[in-house]
Amino acid sequence: MANVAIIGTGFIGRAWAISFARAGHAVRLWDEAETAPAAAIAYIAEVLPTLAENDLLNGATPTAVLARITAAETLEEALDGVSHVQENAPERLEVKRPLFARLDALAPADAVLASSTSAILPSAFTDHLPGRHRCLVVHPINPPYLIPAAEVVPAPWTAAETVERTRAFLVAAGQAPIVMKRELDGFVMNRMQGALLEEAFRLVADGYATVEDVDVGIREGLALRWSFMGPFETIDLNAPGGVRDYVERYQGIYEKLHPAFTRRVDWAGPVLEGIERDRRAAVPADGLVDRQKWRDRRLMALAAHKRRAARDIGE
């Protein structure tokens, strides 16, 4: 069991707390807002029983997992004796730079300092630190207690040992780390998601498909395979001779499409009016919170199914 500090206890921080406490770690929560850790613990207490119903607590009871999570009154208390720090402060450089300076000064010298940032390169907020070798990004796909993938992104000066320690720590906690070789804007997930969203907006803006048709294409089509295979394994299995056979057969199709992929549609332009209208017709604004809860219940069911399928059928 390790001691873990969660710095910033909003949606991402509280989700990480569940992941790490479920793995058996002692988790301390700290936030600039004094009441935020208690609110996070109350939220976690509501979520844990549903996770238990889906056998997603590694055999532990909700009470046992919740007992591993405590609120710290001061940053010093949160960081005392920890081996991993997960920062989840607002996505602003002017917040992260001074916060990481405090973390570097106060955390044990051998603790890993990880940020959950989804958009800021680690070099942008760690270049000034004496302990910058132990700093990196660990960006989750929210919520990490249901979606195990997490991007591990080193700065140019992050030590190889830090990257490996972080990878091993995440694997032991039940996560699936994506270990980048070096930092890049958008990391891996946002770049791949961005490419898909760009085409989705183009198809709707140019009048080729409706919002719902695009969603159906992913939800009832590509995502069914992608829920247990990545794109490279998908094409490796979609031609008799494997990935080379697929490329020889189909690269020409994508080569012809590529010029159209380079034209951007302004997401906030006229197309947004139609997309928002269709989405609010499907889910009114006052129903978004309930739909988000529905999404999480579906993710729990999917996570439980994938675990059973891996056991019964194999990875």
C-alpha atoms as a PDB file:
ATOM      1  CA  MET A   1       0.000   0.000   0.000  1.00  0.00           C
ATOM      2  CA  ALA A   2       1.334   3.441  -0.940  1.00  0.00           C
ATOM      3  CA  ASN A   3       0.422   6.903   0.282  1.00  0.00           C
ATOM      4  CA  VAL A   4      -1.066   8.992  -2.512  1.00  0.00           C
ATOM      5  CA  ALA A   5      -1.921  12.698  -2.504  1.00  0.00           C
ATOM      6  CA  ILE A   6      -4.755  14.051  -4.637  1.00  0.00           C
ATOM      7  CA  ILE A   7      -4.285  17.789  -5.128  1.00  0.00           C
ATOM      8  CA  GLY A   8      -7.489  19.357  -6.415  1.00  0.00           C
ATOM      9  CA  THR A   9     -10.671  17.406  -5.708  1.00  0.00           C
ATOM     10  CA  GLY A  10     -13.057  18.263  -8.518  1.00  0.00           C
ATOM     11  CA  PHE A  11     -14.407  15.706 -10.991  1.00  0.00           C
ATOM     12  CA  ILE A  12     -10.951  14.435 -12.004  1.00  0.00           C
ATOM     13  CA  GLY A  13      -9.430  14.419  -8.538  1.00  0.00           C
ATOM     14  CA  ARG A  14     -12.290  12.532  -6.923  1.00  0.00           C
ATOM     15  CA  ALA A  15     -12.275  10.021  -9.778  1.00  0.00           C
ATOM     16  CA  TRP A  16      -8.552   9.383  -9.279  1.00  0.00           C
ATOM     17  CA  ALA A  17      -9.191   8.963  -5.563  1.00  0.00           C
ATOM     18  CA  ILE A  18     -11.588   6.100  -6.297  1.00  0.00           C
ATOM     19  CA  SER A  19      -9.066   4.429  -8.627  1.00  0.00           C
ATOM     20  CA  PHE A  20      -6.177   4.609  -6.156  1.00  0.00           C
ATOM     21  CA  ALA A  21      -8.206   3.709  -3.050  1.00  0.00           C
ATOM     22  CA  ARG A  22      -9.752   0.756  -4.878  1.00  0.00           C
ATOM     23  CA  ALA A  23      -6.189  -0.424  -5.578  1.00  0.00           C
ATOM     24  CA  GLY A  24      -5.494  -0.460  -1.841  1.00  0.00           C
ATOM     25  CA  HIS A  25      -3.638   2.837  -1.442  1.00  0.00           C
ATOM     26  CA  ALA A  26      -4.136   5.382   1.334  1.00  0.00           C
ATOM     27  CA  VAL A  27      -5.383   8.512  -0.402  1.00  0.00           C
ATOM     28  CA  ARG A  28      -5.281  12.029   1.013  1.00  0.00           C
ATOM     29  CA  LEU A  29      -7.333  14.805  -0.567  1.00  0.00           C
ATOM     30  CA  TRP A  30      -6.400  18.486  -0.502  1.00  0.00           C
ATOM     31  CA  ASP A  31      -7.888  21.469  -2.280  1.00  0.00           C
ATOM     32  CA  GLU A  32      -7.508  25.241  -2.124  1.00  0.00           C
ATOM     33  CA  ALA A  33     -11.240  25.348  -1.411  1.00  0.00           C
ATOM     34  CA  GLU A  34     -11.553  24.129   2.181  1.00  0.00           C
ATOM     35  CA  THR A  35     -14.927  22.438   1.709  1.00  0.00           C
ATOM     36  CA  ALA A  36     -14.003  20.655  -1.530  1.00  0.00           C
ATOM     37  CA  PRO A  37     -12.398  17.495  -0.039  1.00  0.00           C
ATOM     38  CA  ALA A  38     -15.442  16.776   2.134  1.00  0.00           C
ATOM     39  CA  ALA A  39     -17.717  17.254  -0.878  1.00  0.00           C
ATOM     40  CA  ALA A  40     -15.530  14.883  -2.868  1.00  0.00           C
ATOM     41  CA  ILE A  41     -15.707  12.216  -0.160  1.00  0.00           C
ATOM     42  CA  ALA A  42     -19.500  12.555  -0.040  1.00  0.00           C
ATOM     43  CA  TYR A  43     -19.639  12.099  -3.829  1.00  0.00           C
ATOM     44  CA  ILE A  44     -17.356   9.068  -3.657  1.00  0.00           C
ATOM     45  CA  ALA A  45     -19.523   7.509  -0.947  1.00  0.00           C
ATOM     46  CA  GLU A  46     -22.504   7.688  -3.330  1.00  0.00           C
ATOM     47  CA  VAL A  47     -20.603   6.102  -6.243  1.00  0.00           C
ATOM     48  CA  LEU A  48     -18.930   3.195  -4.438  1.00  0.00           C
ATOM     49  CA  PRO A  49     -22.056   1.053  -3.840  1.00  0.00           C
ATOM     50  CA  THR A  50     -22.880   1.054  -7.560  1.00  0.00           C
ATOM     51  CA  LEU A  51     -19.305   0.071  -8.364  1.00  0.00           C
ATOM     52  CA  ALA A  52     -19.619  -2.771  -5.861  1.00  0.00           C
ATOM     53  CA  GLU A  53     -22.848  -3.946  -7.509  1.00  0.00           C
ATOM     54  CA  ASN A  54     -20.896  -4.261 -10.765  1.00  0.00           C
ATOM     55  CA  ASP A  55     -17.968  -6.053  -9.051  1.00  0.00           C
ATOM     56  CA  LEU A  56     -15.652  -3.107  -9.759  1.00  0.00           C
ATOM     57  CA  LEU A  57     -14.051  -2.710  -6.313  1.00  0.00           C
ATOM     58  CA  ASN A  58     -11.592  -5.604  -6.552  1.00  0.00           C
ATOM     59  CA  GLY A  59     -13.582  -7.552  -3.990  1.00  0.00           C
ATOM     60  CA  ALA A  60     -13.473  -4.809  -1.362  1.00  0.00           C
ATOM     61  CA  THR A  61     -16.554  -3.315   0.253  1.00  0.00           C
ATOM     62  CA  PRO A  62     -17.538   0.334  -0.299  1.00  0.00           C
ATOM     63  CA  THR A  63     -16.893   0.945   3.398  1.00  0.00           C
ATOM     64  CA  ALA A  64     -13.357  -0.421   3.152  1.00  0.00           C
ATOM     65  CA  VAL A  65     -12.516   1.632   0.067  1.00  0.00           C
ATOM     66  CA  LEU A  66     -13.990   4.801   1.546  1.00  0.00           C
ATOM     67  CA  ALA A  67     -11.962   4.312   4.732  1.00  0.00           C
ATOM     68  CA  ARG A  68      -8.768   4.627   2.676  1.00  0.00           C
ATOM     69  CA  ILE A  69      -9.679   8.185   1.634  1.00  0.00           C
ATOM     70  CA  THR A  70      -9.147  11.087   4.029  1.00  0.00           C
ATOM     71  CA  ALA A  71      -9.174  14.867   3.797  1.00  0.00           C
ATOM     72  CA  ALA A  72      -6.037  16.828   4.651  1.00  0.00           C
ATOM     73  CA  GLU A  73      -6.334  20.283   6.164  1.00  0.00           C
ATOM     74  CA  THR A  74      -3.034  21.538   4.758  1.00  0.00           C
ATOM     75  CA  LEU A  75      -0.940  20.848   1.689  1.00  0.00           C
ATOM     76  CA  GLU A  76       1.934  19.805   3.957  1.00  0.00           C
ATOM     77  CA  GLU A  77      -0.285  17.213   5.617  1.00  0.00           C
ATOM     78  CA  ALA A  78      -1.458  15.882   2.255  1.00  0.00           C
ATOM     79  CA  LEU A  79       2.096  15.434   1.011  1.00  0.00           C
ATOM     80  CA  ASP A  80       3.637  13.931   4.138  1.00  0.00           C
ATOM     81  CA  GLY A  81       5.232  10.577   3.291  1.00  0.00           C
ATOM     82  CA  VAL A  82       3.563  10.162  -0.124  1.00  0.00           C
ATOM     83  CA  SER A  83       5.122   8.330  -3.046  1.00  0.00           C
ATOM     84  CA  HIS A  84       2.755   9.632  -5.749  1.00  0.00           C
ATOM     85  CA  VAL A  85       1.127  13.046  -6.150  1.00  0.00           C
ATOM     86  CA  GLN A  86      -1.709  13.539  -8.638  1.00  0.00           C
ATOM     87  CA  GLU A  87      -2.423  17.223  -9.318  1.00  0.00           C
ATOM     88  CA  ASN A  88      -5.825  18.207 -10.709  1.00  0.00           C
ATOM     89  CA  ALA A  89      -5.869  21.998 -10.489  1.00  0.00           C
ATOM     90  CA  PRO A  90      -7.610  24.210 -13.086  1.00  0.00           C
ATOM     91  CA  GLU A  91      -6.263  23.986 -16.626  1.00  0.00           C
ATOM     92  CA  ARG A  92      -4.322  27.251 -16.450  1.00  0.00           C
ATOM     93  CA  LEU A  93      -0.568  27.646 -16.671  1.00  0.00           C
ATOM     94  CA  GLU A  94      -0.535  30.513 -14.161  1.00  0.00           C
ATOM     95  CA  VAL A  95      -2.057  28.108 -11.621  1.00  0.00           C
ATOM     96  CA  LYS A  96       0.064  25.047 -12.338  1.00  0.00           C
ATOM     97  CA  ARG A  97       3.511  26.700 -12.330  1.00  0.00           C
ATOM     98  CA  PRO A  98       3.384  28.031  -8.749  1.00  0.00           C
ATOM     99  CA  LEU A  99       1.497  24.963  -7.535  1.00  0.00           C
ATOM    100  CA  PHE A 100       4.167  22.619  -8.877  1.00  0.00           C
ATOM    101  CA  ALA A 101       6.817  24.766  -7.227  1.00  0.00           C
ATOM    102  CA  ARG A 102       5.035  24.180  -3.906  1.00  0.00           C
ATOM    103  CA  LEU A 103       4.682  20.463  -4.596  1.00  0.00           C
ATOM    104  CA  ASP A 104       8.366  20.150  -5.480  1.00  0.00           C
ATOM    105  CA  ALA A 105       9.375  21.978  -2.308  1.00  0.00           C
ATOM    106  CA  LEU A 106       7.088  20.074   0.066  1.00  0.00           C
ATOM    107  CA  ALA A 107       6.744  16.510  -1.272  1.00  0.00           C
ATOM    108  CA  PRO A 108       9.272  13.807  -0.341  1.00  0.00           C
ATOM    109  CA  ALA A 109      12.286  13.915  -2.639  1.00  0.00           C
ATOM    110  CA  ASP A 110      11.460  10.521  -4.156  1.00  0.00           C
ATOM    111  CA  ALA A 111       7.751  11.182  -4.799  1.00  0.00           C
ATOM    112  CA  VAL A 112       6.481  11.315  -8.365  1.00  0.00           C
ATOM    113  CA  LEU A 113       4.710  14.579  -9.205  1.00  0.00           C
ATOM    114  CA  ALA A 114       2.044  13.972 -11.862  1.00  0.00           C
ATOM    115  CA  SER A 115      -0.432  16.360 -13.442  1.00  0.00           C
ATOM    116  CA  SER A 116      -3.808  15.386 -14.854  1.00  0.00           C
ATOM    117  CA  THR A 117      -3.677  18.209 -17.414  1.00  0.00           C
ATOM    118  CA  SER A 118      -5.272  17.357 -20.731  1.00  0.00           C
ATOM    119  CA  ALA A 119      -3.729  20.163 -22.777  1.00  0.00           C
ATOM    120  CA  ILE A 120      -0.641  21.739 -21.176  1.00  0.00           C
ATOM    121  CA  LEU A 121       2.750  20.249 -21.973  1.00  0.00           C
ATOM    122  CA  PRO A 122       4.679  19.168 -18.862  1.00  0.00           C
ATOM    123  CA  SER A 123       7.690  21.247 -19.916  1.00  0.00           C
ATOM    124  CA  ALA A 124       5.572  24.400 -19.611  1.00  0.00           C
ATOM    125  CA  PHE A 125       5.103  24.127 -15.839  1.00  0.00           C
ATOM    126  CA  THR A 126       8.142  22.136 -14.642  1.00  0.00           C
ATOM    127  CA  ASP A 127      11.135  23.793 -16.358  1.00  0.00           C
ATOM    128  CA  HIS A 128      11.902  25.970 -13.308  1.00  0.00           C
ATOM    129  CA  LEU A 129      11.895  23.207 -10.693  1.00  0.00           C
ATOM    130  CA  PRO A 130      14.937  21.695  -8.928  1.00  0.00           C
ATOM    131  CA  GLY A 131      13.094  18.343  -8.974  1.00  0.00           C
ATOM    132  CA  ARG A 132      11.840  18.570 -12.532  1.00  0.00           C
ATOM    133  CA  HIS A 133      13.237  15.086 -13.245  1.00  0.00           C
ATOM    134  CA  ARG A 134      10.357  13.587 -11.234  1.00  0.00           C
ATOM    135  CA  CYS A 135       7.576  15.551 -12.939  1.00  0.00           C
ATOM    136  CA  LEU A 136       5.342  14.389 -15.780  1.00  0.00           C
ATOM    137  CA  VAL A 137       1.739  14.297 -16.976  1.00  0.00           C
ATOM    138  CA  VAL A 138      -0.631  11.438 -16.176  1.00  0.00           C
ATOM    139  CA  HIS A 139      -3.757  12.406 -18.100  1.00  0.00           C
ATOM    140  CA  PRO A 140      -6.783  10.177 -17.491  1.00  0.00           C
ATOM    141  CA  ILE A 141      -9.743   9.483 -19.717  1.00  0.00           C
ATOM    142  CA  ASN A 142     -12.473  10.510 -17.310  1.00  0.00           C
ATOM    143  CA  PRO A 143     -13.551   8.816 -15.135  1.00  0.00           C
ATOM    144  CA  PRO A 144     -10.390   6.724 -14.633  1.00  0.00           C
ATOM    145  CA  TYR A 145     -12.123   4.290 -12.281  1.00  0.00           C
ATOM    146  CA  LEU A 146     -14.229   3.192 -15.287  1.00  0.00           C
ATOM    147  CA  ILE A 147     -11.906   3.950 -18.224  1.00  0.00           C
ATOM    148  CA  PRO A 148      -8.434   2.576 -17.486  1.00  0.00           C
ATOM    149  CA  ALA A 149      -6.400   4.285 -20.228  1.00  0.00           C
ATOM    150  CA  ALA A 150      -4.149   7.062 -18.931  1.00  0.00           C
ATOM    151  CA  GLU A 151      -1.513   8.994 -20.857  1.00  0.00           C
ATOM    152  CA  VAL A 152       1.969   9.155 -19.337  1.00  0.00           C
ATOM    153  CA  VAL A 153       3.735  12.146 -20.898  1.00  0.00           C
ATOM    154  CA  PRO A 154       7.323  13.026 -19.923  1.00  0.00           C
ATOM    155  CA  ALA A 155       8.925  16.438 -20.223  1.00  0.00           C
ATOM    156  CA  PRO A 156      12.324  16.483 -21.975  1.00  0.00           C
ATOM    157  CA  TRP A 157      13.998  16.280 -18.541  1.00  0.00           C
ATOM    158  CA  THR A 158      11.776  13.668 -16.914  1.00  0.00           C
ATOM    159  CA  ALA A 159      13.940  10.778 -15.714  1.00  0.00           C
ATOM    160  CA  ALA A 160      13.386   7.396 -17.341  1.00  0.00           C
ATOM    161  CA  GLU A 161      13.053   5.932 -13.846  1.00  0.00           C
ATOM    162  CA  THR A 162      10.155   8.312 -13.127  1.00  0.00           C
ATOM    163  CA  VAL A 163       8.355   7.201 -16.269  1.00  0.00           C
ATOM    164  CA  GLU A 164       8.839   3.517 -15.457  1.00  0.00           C
ATOM    165  CA  ARG A 165       7.801   3.934 -11.821  1.00  0.00           C
ATOM    166  CA  THR A 166       4.666   5.731 -12.929  1.00  0.00           C
ATOM    167  CA  ARG A 167       3.842   3.123 -15.538  1.00  0.00           C
ATOM    168  CA  ALA A 168       4.231   0.307 -13.031  1.00  0.00           C
ATOM    169  CA  PHE A 169       2.211   2.191 -10.408  1.00  0.00           C
ATOM    170  CA  LEU A 170      -0.670   2.691 -12.839  1.00  0.00           C
ATOM    171  CA  VAL A 171      -0.648  -0.919 -14.014  1.00  0.00           C
ATOM    172  CA  ALA A 172      -0.746  -2.140 -10.413  1.00  0.00           C
ATOM    173  CA  ALA A 173      -3.725   0.183  -9.826  1.00  0.00           C
ATOM    174  CA  GLY A 174      -5.633  -1.379 -12.717  1.00  0.00           C
ATOM    175  CA  GLN A 175      -5.018   1.413 -15.219  1.00  0.00           C
ATOM    176  CA  ALA A 176      -3.769   0.968 -18.787  1.00  0.00           C
ATOM    177  CA  PRO A 177      -0.946   3.477 -19.323  1.00  0.00           C
ATOM    178  CA  ILE A 178      -0.178   4.973 -22.715  1.00  0.00           C
ATOM    179  CA  VAL A 179       3.530   5.784 -22.357  1.00  0.00           C
ATOM    180  CA  MET A 180       4.551   8.531 -24.763  1.00  0.00           C
ATOM    181  CA  LYS A 181       8.179   8.716 -25.838  1.00  0.00           C
ATOM    182  CA  ARG A 182       8.130  12.518 -25.725  1.00  0.00           C
ATOM    183  CA  GLU A 183       5.663  15.353 -25.218  1.00  0.00           C
ATOM    184  CA  LEU A 184       3.407  16.556 -28.031  1.00  0.00           C
ATOM    185  CA  ASP A 185       0.461  18.968 -28.129  1.00  0.00           C
ATOM    186  CA  GLY A 186      -2.767  17.052 -27.586  1.00  0.00           C
ATOM    187  CA  PHE A 187      -0.877  13.956 -26.377  1.00  0.00           C
ATOM    188  CA  VAL A 188      -2.325  10.765 -27.969  1.00  0.00           C
ATOM    189  CA  MET A 189      -6.011  10.682 -27.061  1.00  0.00           C
ATOM    190  CA  ASN A 190      -6.950  14.278 -27.899  1.00  0.00           C
ATOM    191  CA  ARG A 191      -5.142  14.042 -31.223  1.00  0.00           C
ATOM    192  CA  MET A 192      -7.032  10.883 -32.174  1.00  0.00           C
ATOM    193  CA  GLN A 193     -10.333  12.181 -30.842  1.00  0.00           C
ATOM    194  CA  GLY A 194      -9.716  15.500 -32.563  1.00  0.00           C
ATOM    195  CA  ALA A 195      -9.226  13.820 -35.935  1.00  0.00           C
ATOM    196  CA  LEU A 196     -12.546  12.009 -35.545  1.00  0.00           C
ATOM    197  CA  LEU A 197     -14.388  15.141 -34.399  1.00  0.00           C
ATOM    198  CA  GLU A 198     -12.991  17.157 -37.300  1.00  0.00           C
ATOM    199  CA  GLU A 199     -14.524  14.708 -39.775  1.00  0.00           C
ATOM    200  CA  ALA A 200     -17.778  14.508 -37.792  1.00  0.00           C
ATOM    201  CA  PHE A 201     -18.195  18.293 -37.991  1.00  0.00           C
ATOM    202  CA  ARG A 202     -17.317  18.295 -41.718  1.00  0.00           C
ATOM    203  CA  LEU A 203     -19.878  15.595 -42.535  1.00  0.00           C
ATOM    204  CA  VAL A 204     -22.634  17.525 -40.758  1.00  0.00           C
ATOM    205  CA  ALA A 205     -21.577  20.993 -41.955  1.00  0.00           C
ATOM    206  CA  ASP A 206     -21.425  19.850 -45.583  1.00  0.00           C
ATOM    207  CA  GLY A 207     -24.838  18.187 -45.397  1.00  0.00           C
ATOM    208  CA  TYR A 208     -23.732  14.585 -45.910  1.00  0.00           C
ATOM    209  CA  ALA A 209     -25.116  13.152 -42.670  1.00  0.00           C
ATOM    210  CA  THR A 210     -27.157  14.167 -39.654  1.00  0.00           C
ATOM    211  CA  VAL A 211     -25.788  14.452 -36.124  1.00  0.00           C
ATOM    212  CA  GLU A 212     -27.588  11.239 -35.159  1.00  0.00           C
ATOM    213  CA  ASP A 213     -26.318   9.360 -38.219  1.00  0.00           C
ATOM    214  CA  VAL A 214     -22.733  10.237 -37.350  1.00  0.00           C
ATOM    215  CA  ASP A 215     -23.300   9.115 -33.768  1.00  0.00           C
ATOM    216  CA  VAL A 216     -24.870   5.864 -34.981  1.00  0.00           C
ATOM    217  CA  GLY A 217     -21.824   5.206 -37.170  1.00  0.00           C
ATOM    218  CA  ILE A 218     -19.592   5.250 -34.119  1.00  0.00           C
ATOM    219  CA  ARG A 219     -21.976   3.926 -31.462  1.00  0.00           C
ATOM    220  CA  GLU A 220     -23.388   1.023 -33.476  1.00  0.00           C
ATOM    221  CA  GLY A 221     -20.421   0.560 -35.781  1.00  0.00           C
ATOM    222  CA  LEU A 222     -16.778   1.365 -35.204  1.00  0.00           C
ATOM    223  CA  ALA A 223     -16.992   1.614 -31.417  1.00  0.00           C
ATOM    224  CA  LEU A 224     -18.176  -1.977 -31.042  1.00  0.00           C
ATOM    225  CA  ARG A 225     -14.791  -3.173 -32.257  1.00  0.00           C
ATOM    226  CA  TRP A 226     -12.897  -0.305 -30.681  1.00  0.00           C
ATOM    227  CA  SER A 227     -14.248  -1.202 -27.239  1.00  0.00           C
ATOM    228  CA  PHE A 228     -11.834  -4.141 -27.158  1.00  0.00           C
ATOM    229  CA  MET A 229      -9.437  -3.563 -30.094  1.00  0.00           C
ATOM    230  CA  GLY A 230      -7.387  -0.610 -31.270  1.00  0.00           C
ATOM    231  CA  PRO A 231      -7.176   0.647 -34.871  1.00  0.00           C
ATOM    232  CA  PHE A 232      -4.024  -1.269 -35.729  1.00  0.00           C
ATOM    233  CA  GLU A 233      -5.367  -4.597 -34.486  1.00  0.00           C
ATOM    234  CA  THR A 234      -8.648  -3.831 -36.259  1.00  0.00           C
ATOM    235  CA  ILE A 235      -7.010  -3.528 -39.664  1.00  0.00           C
ATOM    236  CA  ASP A 236      -4.675  -6.439 -38.913  1.00  0.00           C
ATOM    237  CA  LEU A 237      -7.779  -8.645 -38.594  1.00  0.00           C
ATOM    238  CA  ASN A 238      -9.700  -7.073 -41.489  1.00  0.00           C
ATOM    239  CA  ALA A 239      -7.641  -8.524 -44.331  1.00  0.00           C
ATOM    240  CA  PRO A 240      -6.742 -12.185 -44.917  1.00  0.00           C
ATOM    241  CA  GLY A 241      -3.010 -11.509 -44.811  1.00  0.00           C
ATOM    242  CA  GLY A 242      -2.984  -9.073 -41.910  1.00  0.00           C
ATOM    243  CA  VAL A 243      -1.925  -5.457 -41.689  1.00  0.00           C
ATOM    244  CA  ARG A 244       0.336  -5.446 -44.779  1.00  0.00           C
ATOM    245  CA  ASP A 245      -2.424  -7.020 -46.854  1.00  0.00           C
ATOM    246  CA  TYR A 246      -4.878  -4.388 -45.561  1.00  0.00           C
ATOM    247  CA  VAL A 247      -2.556  -1.529 -46.504  1.00  0.00           C
ATOM    248  CA  GLU A 248      -1.967  -2.943 -49.977  1.00  0.00           C
ATOM    249  CA  ARG A 249      -5.702  -3.364 -50.532  1.00  0.00           C
ATOM    250  CA  TYR A 250      -7.090  -0.165 -49.019  1.00  0.00           C
ATOM    251  CA  GLN A 251      -4.441   2.540 -48.688  1.00  0.00           C
ATOM    252  CA  GLY A 252      -5.568   3.998 -52.021  1.00  0.00           C
ATOM    253  CA  ILE A 253      -9.043   4.695 -50.649  1.00  0.00           C
ATOM    254  CA  TYR A 254      -7.696   6.767 -47.782  1.00  0.00           C
ATOM    255  CA  GLU A 255      -5.130   8.459 -49.991  1.00  0.00           C
ATOM    256  CA  LYS A 256      -7.967   9.828 -52.149  1.00  0.00           C
ATOM    257  CA  LEU A 257      -9.844  11.016 -49.049  1.00  0.00           C
ATOM    258  CA  HIS A 258      -6.892  12.776 -47.460  1.00  0.00           C
ATOM    259  CA  PRO A 259      -7.177  16.159 -49.256  1.00  0.00           C
ATOM    260  CA  ALA A 260     -10.696  16.601 -47.855  1.00  0.00           C
ATOM    261  CA  PHE A 261      -9.389  15.943 -44.334  1.00  0.00           C
ATOM    262  CA  THR A 262      -7.191  19.046 -44.419  1.00  0.00           C
ATOM    263  CA  ARG A 263     -10.097  21.538 -44.655  1.00  0.00           C
ATOM    264  CA  ARG A 264     -11.295  22.714 -41.275  1.00  0.00           C
ATOM    265  CA  VAL A 265     -14.871  23.568 -40.363  1.00  0.00           C
ATOM    266  CA  ASP A 266     -15.287  26.183 -37.630  1.00  0.00           C
ATOM    267  CA  TRP A 267     -16.886  24.175 -34.813  1.00  0.00           C
ATOM    268  CA  ALA A 268     -18.367  27.365 -33.362  1.00  0.00           C
ATOM    269  CA  GLY A 269     -19.660  28.545 -36.749  1.00  0.00           C
ATOM    270  CA  PRO A 270     -23.115  28.045 -38.297  1.00  0.00           C
ATOM    271  CA  VAL A 271     -22.865  24.245 -38.005  1.00  0.00           C
ATOM    272  CA  LEU A 272     -23.010  24.536 -34.225  1.00  0.00           C
ATOM    273  CA  GLU A 273     -26.567  25.878 -34.324  1.00  0.00           C
ATOM    274  CA  GLY A 274     -27.837  22.719 -35.982  1.00  0.00           C
ATOM    275  CA  ILE A 275     -25.760  20.351 -33.847  1.00  0.00           C
ATOM    276  CA  GLU A 276     -26.871  21.992 -30.620  1.00  0.00           C
ATOM    277  CA  ARG A 277     -30.503  22.002 -31.770  1.00  0.00           C
ATOM    278  CA  ASP A 278     -30.383  18.279 -32.501  1.00  0.00           C
ATOM    279  CA  ARG A 279     -28.634  17.442 -29.254  1.00  0.00           C
ATOM    280  CA  ARG A 280     -31.053  19.508 -27.134  1.00  0.00           C
ATOM    281  CA  ALA A 281     -33.963  17.816 -28.897  1.00  0.00           C
ATOM    282  CA  ALA A 282     -32.481  14.464 -27.895  1.00  0.00           C
ATOM    283  CA  VAL A 283     -31.504  15.541 -24.370  1.00  0.00           C
ATOM    284  CA  PRO A 284     -32.854  18.849 -22.974  1.00  0.00           C
ATOM    285  CA  ALA A 285     -30.375  21.010 -21.104  1.00  0.00           C
ATOM    286  CA  ASP A 286     -32.012  20.205 -17.775  1.00  0.00           C
ATOM    287  CA  GLY A 287     -31.581  16.495 -18.494  1.00  0.00           C
ATOM    288  CA  LEU A 288     -27.812  16.545 -19.030  1.00  0.00           C
ATOM    289  CA  VAL A 289     -26.925  15.595 -15.458  1.00  0.00           C
ATOM    290  CA  ASP A 290     -29.233  12.575 -15.540  1.00  0.00           C
ATOM    291  CA  ARG A 291     -27.816  11.573 -18.922  1.00  0.00           C
ATOM    292  CA  GLN A 292     -24.287  11.832 -17.535  1.00  0.00           C
ATOM    293  CA  LYS A 293     -25.287   9.491 -14.723  1.00  0.00           C
ATOM    294  CA  TRP A 294     -26.775   7.144 -17.339  1.00  0.00           C
ATOM    295  CA  ARG A 295     -23.450   7.274 -19.229  1.00  0.00           C
ATOM    296  CA  ASP A 296     -21.527   6.307 -16.116  1.00  0.00           C
ATOM    297  CA  ARG A 297     -23.882   3.405 -15.376  1.00  0.00           C
ATOM    298  CA  ARG A 298     -23.405   2.171 -18.941  1.00  0.00           C
ATOM    299  CA  LEU A 299     -19.635   2.482 -18.529  1.00  0.00           C
ATOM    300  CA  MET A 300     -19.843   0.455 -15.332  1.00  0.00           C
ATOM    301  CA  ALA A 301     -21.802  -2.245 -17.103  1.00  0.00           C
ATOM    302  CA  LEU A 302     -19.328  -2.222 -19.994  1.00  0.00           C
ATOM    303  CA  ALA A 303     -16.341  -2.391 -17.640  1.00  0.00           C
ATOM    304  CA  ALA A 304     -17.928  -5.330 -15.817  1.00  0.00           C
ATOM    305  CA  HIS A 305     -18.653  -7.078 -19.118  1.00  0.00           C
ATOM    306  CA  LYS A 306     -15.123  -6.543 -20.414  1.00  0.00           C
ATOM    307  CA  ARG A 307     -13.690  -7.982 -17.216  1.00  0.00           C
ATOM    308  CA  ARG A 308     -15.905 -11.067 -17.483  1.00  0.00           C
ATOM    309  CA  ALA A 309     -15.180 -11.443 -21.188  1.00  0.00           C
ATOM    310  CA  ALA A 310     -11.425 -11.208 -20.601  1.00  0.00           C
ATOM    311  CA  ARG A 311     -11.730 -13.950 -18.007  1.00  0.00           C
ATOM    312  CA  ASP A 312     -14.015 -16.195 -20.044  1.00  0.00           C
ATOM    313  CA  ILE A 313     -12.724 -15.569 -23.582  1.00  0.00           C
ATOM    314  CA  GLY A 314      -9.251 -14.116 -23.059  1.00  0.00           C
ATOM    315  CA  GLU A 315      -7.582 -10.786 -23.696  1.00  0.00           C
END
